[in-house]
Amino acid sequence: MFNFEPPTTDEEVRAAAIQFVRKVSGQQKPSRANREAFDRAVDDVSHITRALVDTLITEALPRSRELEALKAKARAATRFGPARTVE
């Protein structure tokens, strides 16, 4: 999430926070009883993550999202084989 061009959006930060809270809580979709705690945790993690990303410093050039996506696809193809299309 750090040092990308264009910069990471708040929506991407929130999506990562949701993924993290789901992993830690072991709940894909919290019950009504746990919804408030779950949402508060997502808000807290989002806020802390944004603060971290915004304060990190680097001398490196920003990474390209498109190039990083292509590299990830190449790694996946090597690991799992070429992607198949469903017709």
PDB file of N, CA and C in Angstrom:
ATOM      1  N   MET A   1       0.807  -1.184   0.000  1.00  0.00           N
ATOM      2  CA  MET A   1       0.000   0.000   0.000  1.00  0.00           C
ATOM      3  C   MET A   1       0.861   1.263   0.000  1.00  0.00           C
ATOM      4  N   PHE A   2       2.105   1.112   0.376  1.00  0.00           N
ATOM      5  CA  PHE A   2       2.993   2.260   0.486  1.00  0.00           C
ATOM      6  C   PHE A   2       3.783   2.455  -0.806  1.00  0.00           C
ATOM      7  N   ASN A   3       3.957   3.690  -1.192  1.00  0.00           N
ATOM      8  CA  ASN A   3       4.808   4.115  -2.305  1.00  0.00           C
ATOM      9  C   ASN A   3       4.300   3.631  -3.661  1.00  0.00           C
ATOM     10  N   PHE A   4       3.013   3.782  -3.883  1.00  0.00           N
ATOM     11  CA  PHE A   4       2.421   3.464  -5.182  1.00  0.00           C
ATOM     12  C   PHE A   4       1.985   4.741  -5.880  1.00  0.00           C
ATOM     13  N   GLU A   5       1.984   4.678  -7.188  1.00  0.00           N
ATOM     14  CA  GLU A   5       1.461   5.772  -7.989  1.00  0.00           C
ATOM     15  C   GLU A   5       0.349   5.213  -8.864  1.00  0.00           C
ATOM     16  N   PRO A   6      -0.871   5.650  -8.780  1.00  0.00           N
ATOM     17  CA  PRO A   6      -1.359   6.683  -7.875  1.00  0.00           C
ATOM     18  C   PRO A   6      -1.398   6.172  -6.431  1.00  0.00           C
ATOM     19  N   PRO A   7      -1.429   7.098  -5.464  1.00  0.00           N
ATOM     20  CA  PRO A   7      -1.412   6.719  -4.048  1.00  0.00           C
ATOM     21  C   PRO A   7      -2.614   5.853  -3.662  1.00  0.00           C
ATOM     22  N   THR A   8      -2.431   5.122  -2.599  1.00  0.00           N
ATOM     23  CA  THR A   8      -3.481   4.262  -2.066  1.00  0.00           C
ATOM     24  C   THR A   8      -4.684   5.102  -1.644  1.00  0.00           C
ATOM     25  N   THR A   9      -5.874   4.660  -2.036  1.00  0.00           N
ATOM     26  CA  THR A   9      -7.098   5.384  -1.696  1.00  0.00           C
ATOM     27  C   THR A   9      -7.615   4.954  -0.326  1.00  0.00           C
ATOM     28  N   ASP A  10      -8.489   5.763   0.236  1.00  0.00           N
ATOM     29  CA  ASP A  10      -9.120   5.403   1.508  1.00  0.00           C
ATOM     30  C   ASP A  10      -9.940   4.126   1.373  1.00  0.00           C
ATOM     31  N   GLU A  11     -10.539   3.906   0.203  1.00  0.00           N
ATOM     32  CA  GLU A  11     -11.319   2.689  -0.027  1.00  0.00           C
ATOM     33  C   GLU A  11     -10.426   1.455   0.011  1.00  0.00           C
ATOM     34  N   GLU A  12      -9.222   1.562  -0.549  1.00  0.00           N
ATOM     35  CA  GLU A  12      -8.276   0.441  -0.516  1.00  0.00           C
ATOM     36  C   GLU A  12      -7.793   0.173   0.902  1.00  0.00           C
ATOM     37  N   VAL A  13      -7.565   1.234   1.653  1.00  0.00           N
ATOM     38  CA  VAL A  13      -7.154   1.078   3.051  1.00  0.00           C
ATOM     39  C   VAL A  13      -8.261   0.382   3.838  1.00  0.00           C
ATOM     40  N   ARG A  14      -9.501   0.798   3.633  1.00  0.00           N
ATOM     41  CA  ARG A  14     -10.633   0.179   4.339  1.00  0.00           C
ATOM     42  C   ARG A  14     -10.803  -1.289   3.948  1.00  0.00           C
ATOM     43  N   ALA A  15     -10.654  -1.587   2.657  1.00  0.00           N
ATOM     44  CA  ALA A  15     -10.769  -2.977   2.207  1.00  0.00           C
ATOM     45  C   ALA A  15      -9.703  -3.856   2.871  1.00  0.00           C
ATOM     46  N   ALA A  16      -8.500  -3.340   3.004  1.00  0.00           N
ATOM     47  CA  ALA A  16      -7.440  -4.086   3.673  1.00  0.00           C
ATOM     48  C   ALA A  16      -7.759  -4.266   5.161  1.00  0.00           C
ATOM     49  N   ALA A  17      -8.325  -3.232   5.769  1.00  0.00           N
ATOM     50  CA  ALA A  17      -8.701  -3.320   7.189  1.00  0.00           C
ATOM     51  C   ALA A  17      -9.789  -4.365   7.396  1.00  0.00           C
ATOM     52  N   ILE A  18     -10.764  -4.410   6.504  1.00  0.00           N
ATOM     53  CA  ILE A  18     -11.822  -5.419   6.608  1.00  0.00           C
ATOM     54  C   ILE A  18     -11.226  -6.814   6.493  1.00  0.00           C
ATOM     55  N   GLN A  19     -10.329  -7.007   5.540  1.00  0.00           N
ATOM     56  CA  GLN A  19      -9.687  -8.305   5.354  1.00  0.00           C
ATOM     57  C   GLN A  19      -8.918  -8.705   6.618  1.00  0.00           C
ATOM     58  N   PHE A  20      -8.195  -7.759   7.200  1.00  0.00           N
ATOM     59  CA  PHE A  20      -7.434  -8.032   8.411  1.00  0.00           C
ATOM     60  C   PHE A  20      -8.349  -8.407   9.570  1.00  0.00           C
ATOM     61  N   VAL A  21      -9.401  -7.634   9.791  1.00  0.00           N
ATOM     62  CA  VAL A  21     -10.313  -7.893  10.908  1.00  0.00           C
ATOM     63  C   VAL A  21     -11.035  -9.226  10.705  1.00  0.00           C
ATOM     64  N   ARG A  22     -11.404  -9.544   9.489  1.00  0.00           N
ATOM     65  CA  ARG A  22     -12.021 -10.853   9.219  1.00  0.00           C
ATOM     66  C   ARG A  22     -11.067 -11.977   9.579  1.00  0.00           C
ATOM     67  N   LYS A  23      -9.810 -11.837   9.192  1.00  0.00           N
ATOM     68  CA  LYS A  23      -8.806 -12.865   9.478  1.00  0.00           C
ATOM     69  C   LYS A  23      -8.603 -13.031  10.975  1.00  0.00           C
ATOM     70  N   VAL A  24      -8.431 -11.922  11.670  1.00  0.00           N
ATOM     71  CA  VAL A  24      -8.169 -11.976  13.101  1.00  0.00           C
ATOM     72  C   VAL A  24      -9.373 -12.500  13.880  1.00  0.00           C
ATOM     73  N   SER A  25     -10.569 -12.066  13.486  1.00  0.00           N
ATOM     74  CA  SER A  25     -11.776 -12.468  14.221  1.00  0.00           C
ATOM     75  C   SER A  25     -12.265 -13.855  13.830  1.00  0.00           C
ATOM     76  N   GLY A  26     -11.831 -14.332  12.670  1.00  0.00           N
ATOM     77  CA  GLY A  26     -12.314 -15.620  12.196  1.00  0.00           C
ATOM     78  C   GLY A  26     -13.741 -15.561  11.690  1.00  0.00           C
ATOM     79  N   GLN A  27     -14.228 -14.357  11.430  1.00  0.00           N
ATOM     80  CA  GLN A  27     -15.611 -14.172  10.994  1.00  0.00           C
ATOM     81  C   GLN A  27     -15.635 -13.441   9.657  1.00  0.00           C
ATOM     82  N   GLN A  28     -16.221 -14.090   8.676  1.00  0.00           N
ATOM     83  CA  GLN A  28     -16.402 -13.447   7.372  1.00  0.00           C
ATOM     84  C   GLN A  28     -17.476 -12.363   7.473  1.00  0.00           C
ATOM     85  N   LYS A  29     -18.553 -12.717   8.156  1.00  0.00           N
ATOM     86  CA  LYS A  29     -19.660 -11.781   8.363  1.00  0.00           C
ATOM     87  C   LYS A  29     -20.070 -11.899   9.830  1.00  0.00           C
ATOM     88  N   PRO A  30     -19.820 -10.863  10.615  1.00  0.00           N
ATOM     89  CA  PRO A  30     -20.115 -10.957  12.050  1.00  0.00           C
ATOM     90  C   PRO A  30     -21.622 -11.012  12.321  1.00  0.00           C
ATOM     91  N   SER A  31     -21.957 -11.620  13.447  1.00  0.00           N
ATOM     92  CA  SER A  31     -23.356 -11.654  13.875  1.00  0.00           C
ATOM     93  C   SER A  31     -23.794 -10.246  14.274  1.00  0.00           C
ATOM     94  N   ARG A  32     -25.100 -10.077  14.440  1.00  0.00           N
ATOM     95  CA  ARG A  32     -25.600  -8.767  14.891  1.00  0.00           C
ATOM     96  C   ARG A  32     -24.986  -8.381  16.234  1.00  0.00           C
ATOM     97  N   ALA A  33     -24.783  -9.361  17.089  1.00  0.00           N
ATOM     98  CA  ALA A  33     -24.211  -9.091  18.409  1.00  0.00           C
ATOM     99  C   ALA A  33     -22.770  -8.578  18.318  1.00  0.00           C
ATOM    100  N   ASN A  34     -22.052  -8.983  17.269  1.00  0.00           N
ATOM    101  CA  ASN A  34     -20.646  -8.598  17.126  1.00  0.00           C
ATOM    102  C   ASN A  34     -20.420  -7.497  16.084  1.00  0.00           C
ATOM    103  N   ARG A  35     -21.459  -7.066  15.406  1.00  0.00           N
ATOM    104  CA  ARG A  35     -21.322  -6.105  14.319  1.00  0.00           C
ATOM    105  C   ARG A  35     -20.674  -4.793  14.774  1.00  0.00           C
ATOM    106  N   GLU A  36     -21.101  -4.265  15.896  1.00  0.00           N
ATOM    107  CA  GLU A  36     -20.549  -2.987  16.371  1.00  0.00           C
ATOM    108  C   GLU A  36     -19.056  -3.099  16.662  1.00  0.00           C
ATOM    109  N   ALA A  37     -18.652  -4.169  17.349  1.00  0.00           N
ATOM    110  CA  ALA A  37     -17.232  -4.370  17.662  1.00  0.00           C
ATOM    111  C   ALA A  37     -16.423  -4.566  16.377  1.00  0.00           C
ATOM    112  N   PHE A  38     -16.974  -5.322  15.438  1.00  0.00           N
ATOM    113  CA  PHE A  38     -16.317  -5.570  14.163  1.00  0.00           C
ATOM    114  C   PHE A  38     -16.116  -4.252  13.403  1.00  0.00           C
ATOM    115  N   ASP A  39     -17.185  -3.464  13.272  1.00  0.00           N
ATOM    116  CA  ASP A  39     -17.105  -2.189  12.556  1.00  0.00           C
ATOM    117  C   ASP A  39     -16.141  -1.213  13.230  1.00  0.00           C
ATOM    118  N   ARG A  40     -16.142  -1.197  14.552  1.00  0.00           N
ATOM    119  CA  ARG A  40     -15.227  -0.313  15.279  1.00  0.00           C
ATOM    120  C   ARG A  40     -13.774  -0.732  15.028  1.00  0.00           C
ATOM    121  N   ALA A  41     -13.530  -2.037  15.004  1.00  0.00           N
ATOM    122  CA  ALA A  41     -12.179  -2.532  14.726  1.00  0.00           C
ATOM    123  C   ALA A  41     -11.743  -2.155  13.309  1.00  0.00           C
ATOM    124  N   VAL A  42     -12.646  -2.287  12.343  1.00  0.00           N
ATOM    125  CA  VAL A  42     -12.326  -1.906  10.966  1.00  0.00           C
ATOM    126  C   VAL A  42     -12.004  -0.412  10.903  1.00  0.00           C
ATOM    127  N   ASP A  43     -12.792   0.412  11.562  1.00  0.00           N
ATOM    128  CA  ASP A  43     -12.528   1.858  11.582  1.00  0.00           C
ATOM    129  C   ASP A  43     -11.171   2.164  12.201  1.00  0.00           C
ATOM    130  N   ASP A  44     -10.866   1.512  13.334  1.00  0.00           N
ATOM    131  CA  ASP A  44      -9.594   1.748  14.019  1.00  0.00           C
ATOM    132  C   ASP A  44      -8.401   1.321  13.161  1.00  0.00           C
ATOM    133  N   VAL A  45      -8.488   0.132  12.575  1.00  0.00           N
ATOM    134  CA  VAL A  45      -7.392  -0.369  11.740  1.00  0.00           C
ATOM    135  C   VAL A  45      -7.226   0.520  10.511  1.00  0.00           C
ATOM    136  N   SER A  46      -8.327   0.960   9.911  1.00  0.00           N
ATOM    137  CA  SER A  46      -8.250   1.862   8.755  1.00  0.00           C
ATOM    138  C   SER A  46      -7.531   3.151   9.120  1.00  0.00           C
ATOM    139  N   HIS A  47      -7.919   3.730  10.245  1.00  0.00           N
ATOM    140  CA  HIS A  47      -7.316   4.994  10.687  1.00  0.00           C
ATOM    141  C   HIS A  47      -5.816   4.826  10.941  1.00  0.00           C
ATOM    142  N   ILE A  48      -5.434   3.785  11.635  1.00  0.00           N
ATOM    143  CA  ILE A  48      -4.019   3.554  11.954  1.00  0.00           C
ATOM    144  C   ILE A  48      -3.218   3.252  10.695  1.00  0.00           C
ATOM    145  N   THR A  49      -3.795   2.472   9.790  1.00  0.00           N
ATOM    146  CA  THR A  49      -3.107   2.146   8.540  1.00  0.00           C
ATOM    147  C   THR A  49      -2.887   3.394   7.698  1.00  0.00           C
ATOM    148  N   ARG A  50      -3.904   4.234   7.584  1.00  0.00           N
ATOM    149  CA  ARG A  50      -3.769   5.474   6.820  1.00  0.00           C
ATOM    150  C   ARG A  50      -2.680   6.348   7.436  1.00  0.00           C
ATOM    151  N   ALA A  51      -2.668   6.460   8.762  1.00  0.00           N
ATOM    152  CA  ALA A  51      -1.642   7.268   9.435  1.00  0.00           C
ATOM    153  C   ALA A  51      -0.248   6.704   9.157  1.00  0.00           C
ATOM    154  N   LEU A  52      -0.103   5.399   9.185  1.00  0.00           N
ATOM    155  CA  LEU A  52       1.190   4.781   8.907  1.00  0.00           C
ATOM    156  C   LEU A  52       1.633   5.059   7.474  1.00  0.00           C
ATOM    157  N   VAL A  53       0.779   4.763   6.514  1.00  0.00           N
ATOM    158  CA  VAL A  53       1.124   4.950   5.103  1.00  0.00           C
ATOM    159  C   VAL A  53       1.466   6.414   4.815  1.00  0.00           C
ATOM    160  N   ASP A  54       0.742   7.316   5.433  1.00  0.00           N
ATOM    161  CA  ASP A  54       0.974   8.738   5.188  1.00  0.00           C
ATOM    162  C   ASP A  54       2.254   9.271   5.816  1.00  0.00           C
ATOM    163  N   THR A  55       2.808   8.586   6.796  1.00  0.00           N
ATOM    164  CA  THR A  55       4.004   9.096   7.471  1.00  0.00           C
ATOM    165  C   THR A  55       5.280   8.350   7.096  1.00  0.00           C
ATOM    166  N   LEU A  56       5.181   7.247   6.361  1.00  0.00           N
ATOM    167  CA  LEU A  56       6.387   6.538   5.934  1.00  0.00           C
ATOM    168  C   LEU A  56       7.152   7.383   4.922  1.00  0.00           C
ATOM    169  N   ILE A  57       8.468   7.225   4.935  1.00  0.00           N
ATOM    170  CA  ILE A  57       9.348   8.001   4.065  1.00  0.00           C
ATOM    171  C   ILE A  57      10.218   7.037   3.266  1.00  0.00           C
ATOM    172  N   THR A  58      10.454   7.366   1.993  1.00  0.00           N
ATOM    173  CA  THR A  58      11.348   6.556   1.170  1.00  0.00           C
ATOM    174  C   THR A  58      12.046   7.426   0.138  1.00  0.00           C
ATOM    175  N   GLU A  59      13.183   6.971  -0.309  1.00  0.00           N
ATOM    176  CA  GLU A  59      13.912   7.628  -1.392  1.00  0.00           C
ATOM    177  C   GLU A  59      13.591   6.959  -2.722  1.00  0.00           C
ATOM    178  N   ALA A  60      12.941   5.791  -2.675  1.00  0.00           N
ATOM    179  CA  ALA A  60      12.648   5.020  -3.888  1.00  0.00           C
ATOM    180  C   ALA A  60      11.561   5.695  -4.717  1.00  0.00           C
ATOM    181  N   LEU A  61      11.608   5.455  -6.000  1.00  0.00           N
ATOM    182  CA  LEU A  61      10.564   5.938  -6.890  1.00  0.00           C
ATOM    183  C   LEU A  61       9.278   5.167  -6.610  1.00  0.00           C
ATOM    184  N   PRO A  62       8.124   5.796  -6.793  1.00  0.00           N
ATOM    185  CA  PRO A  62       6.856   5.090  -6.583  1.00  0.00           C
ATOM    186  C   PRO A  62       6.717   3.905  -7.541  1.00  0.00           C
ATOM    187  N   ARG A  63       6.094   2.843  -7.061  1.00  0.00           N
ATOM    188  CA  ARG A  63       5.841   1.665  -7.884  1.00  0.00           C
ATOM    189  C   ARG A  63       4.566   1.873  -8.689  1.00  0.00           C
ATOM    190  N   SER A  64       4.553   1.282  -9.860  1.00  0.00           N
ATOM    191  CA  SER A  64       3.399   1.356 -10.746  1.00  0.00           C
ATOM    192  C   SER A  64       2.412   0.255 -10.380  1.00  0.00           C
ATOM    193  N   ARG A  65       1.160   0.616 -10.176  1.00  0.00           N
ATOM    194  CA  ARG A  65       0.129  -0.393  -9.873  1.00  0.00           C
ATOM    195  C   ARG A  65      -0.016  -1.387 -11.016  1.00  0.00           C
ATOM    196  N   GLU A  66       0.009  -0.889 -12.245  1.00  0.00           N
ATOM    197  CA  GLU A  66      -0.167  -1.761 -13.404  1.00  0.00           C
ATOM    198  C   GLU A  66       0.977  -2.769 -13.522  1.00  0.00           C
ATOM    199  N   LEU A  67       2.204  -2.304 -13.337  1.00  0.00           N
ATOM    200  CA  LEU A  67       3.363  -3.194 -13.421  1.00  0.00           C
ATOM    201  C   LEU A  67       3.320  -4.240 -12.305  1.00  0.00           C
ATOM    202  N   GLU A  68       2.983  -3.824 -11.096  1.00  0.00           N
ATOM    203  CA  GLU A  68       2.897  -4.768  -9.972  1.00  0.00           C
ATOM    204  C   GLU A  68       1.795  -5.798 -10.211  1.00  0.00           C
ATOM    205  N   ALA A  69       0.678  -5.392 -10.821  1.00  0.00           N
ATOM    206  CA  ALA A  69      -0.402  -6.337 -11.134  1.00  0.00           C
ATOM    207  C   ALA A  69       0.063  -7.357 -12.172  1.00  0.00           C
ATOM    208  N   LEU A  70       0.799  -6.904 -13.176  1.00  0.00           N
ATOM    209  CA  LEU A  70       1.328  -7.825 -14.188  1.00  0.00           C
ATOM    210  C   LEU A  70       2.296  -8.825 -13.568  1.00  0.00           C
ATOM    211  N   LYS A  71       3.150  -8.354 -12.677  1.00  0.00           N
ATOM    212  CA  LYS A  71       4.093  -9.248 -11.997  1.00  0.00           C
ATOM    213  C   LYS A  71       3.349 -10.289 -11.165  1.00  0.00           C
ATOM    214  N   ALA A  72       2.290  -9.866 -10.474  1.00  0.00           N
ATOM    215  CA  ALA A  72       1.503 -10.795  -9.658  1.00  0.00           C
ATOM    216  C   ALA A  72       0.834 -11.849 -10.535  1.00  0.00           C
ATOM    217  N   LYS A  73       0.311 -11.441 -11.689  1.00  0.00           N
ATOM    218  CA  LYS A  73      -0.307 -12.402 -12.614  1.00  0.00           C
ATOM    219  C   LYS A  73       0.720 -13.398 -13.127  1.00  0.00           C
ATOM    220  N   ALA A  74       1.923 -12.930 -13.416  1.00  0.00           N
ATOM    221  CA  ALA A  74       2.981 -13.816 -13.896  1.00  0.00           C
ATOM    222  C   ALA A  74       3.369 -14.822 -12.813  1.00  0.00           C
ATOM    223  N   ARG A  75       3.481 -14.348 -11.573  1.00  0.00           N
ATOM    224  CA  ARG A  75       3.798 -15.268 -10.470  1.00  0.00           C
ATOM    225  C   ARG A  75       2.701 -16.311 -10.294  1.00  0.00           C
ATOM    226  N   ALA A  76       1.438 -15.869 -10.399  1.00  0.00           N
ATOM    227  CA  ALA A  76       0.314 -16.804 -10.256  1.00  0.00           C
ATOM    228  C   ALA A  76       0.307 -17.825 -11.390  1.00  0.00           C
ATOM    229  N   ALA A  77       0.616 -17.386 -12.601  1.00  0.00           N
ATOM    230  CA  ALA A  77       0.652 -18.309 -13.737  1.00  0.00           C
ATOM    231  C   ALA A  77       1.750 -19.346 -13.559  1.00  0.00           C
ATOM    232  N   THR A  78       2.885 -18.911 -13.032  1.00  0.00           N
ATOM    233  CA  THR A  78       3.977 -19.844 -12.769  1.00  0.00           C
ATOM    234  C   THR A  78       3.579 -20.843 -11.680  1.00  0.00           C
ATOM    235  N   ARG A  79       2.916 -20.364 -10.670  1.00  0.00           N
ATOM    236  CA  ARG A  79       2.550 -21.213  -9.534  1.00  0.00           C
ATOM    237  C   ARG A  79       1.371 -22.126  -9.844  1.00  0.00           C
ATOM    238  N   PHE A  80       0.338 -21.597 -10.490  1.00  0.00           N
ATOM    239  CA  PHE A  80      -0.903 -22.351 -10.669  1.00  0.00           C
ATOM    240  C   PHE A  80      -1.193 -22.741 -12.111  1.00  0.00           C
ATOM    241  N   GLY A  81      -0.414 -22.274 -13.062  1.00  0.00           N
ATOM    242  CA  GLY A  81      -0.693 -22.510 -14.476  1.00  0.00           C
ATOM    243  C   GLY A  81      -1.468 -21.359 -15.056  1.00  0.00           C
ATOM    244  N   PRO A  82      -1.588 -21.347 -16.377  1.00  0.00           N
ATOM    245  CA  PRO A  82      -2.287 -20.217 -17.012  1.00  0.00           C
ATOM    246  C   PRO A  82      -3.755 -20.141 -16.611  1.00  0.00           C
ATOM    247  N   ALA A  83      -4.271 -18.926 -16.594  1.00  0.00           N
ATOM    248  CA  ALA A  83      -5.675 -18.711 -16.232  1.00  0.00           C
ATOM    249  C   ALA A  83      -6.562 -19.294 -17.322  1.00  0.00           C
ATOM    250  N   ARG A  84      -7.679 -19.849 -16.895  1.00  0.00           N
ATOM    251  CA  ARG A  84      -8.649 -20.408 -17.836  1.00  0.00           C
ATOM    252  C   ARG A  84      -9.874 -19.526 -17.872  1.00  0.00           C
ATOM    253  N   THR A  85     -10.426 -19.376 -19.039  1.00  0.00           N
ATOM    254  CA  THR A  85     -11.666 -18.595 -19.157  1.00  0.00           C
ATOM    255  C   THR A  85     -12.848 -19.540 -19.165  1.00  0.00           C
ATOM    256  N   VAL A  86     -13.936 -19.104 -18.576  1.00  0.00           N
ATOM    257  CA  VAL A  86     -15.153 -19.890 -18.534  1.00  0.00           C
ATOM    258  C   VAL A  86     -16.069 -19.399 -19.638  1.00  0.00           C
ATOM    259  N   GLU A  87     -16.515 -20.311 -20.469  1.00  0.00           N
ATOM    260  CA  GLU A  87     -17.392 -19.908 -21.579  1.00  0.00           C
ATOM    261  C   GLU A  87     -18.798 -20.410 -21.364  1.00  0.00           C
TER     262      GLU A  87
END
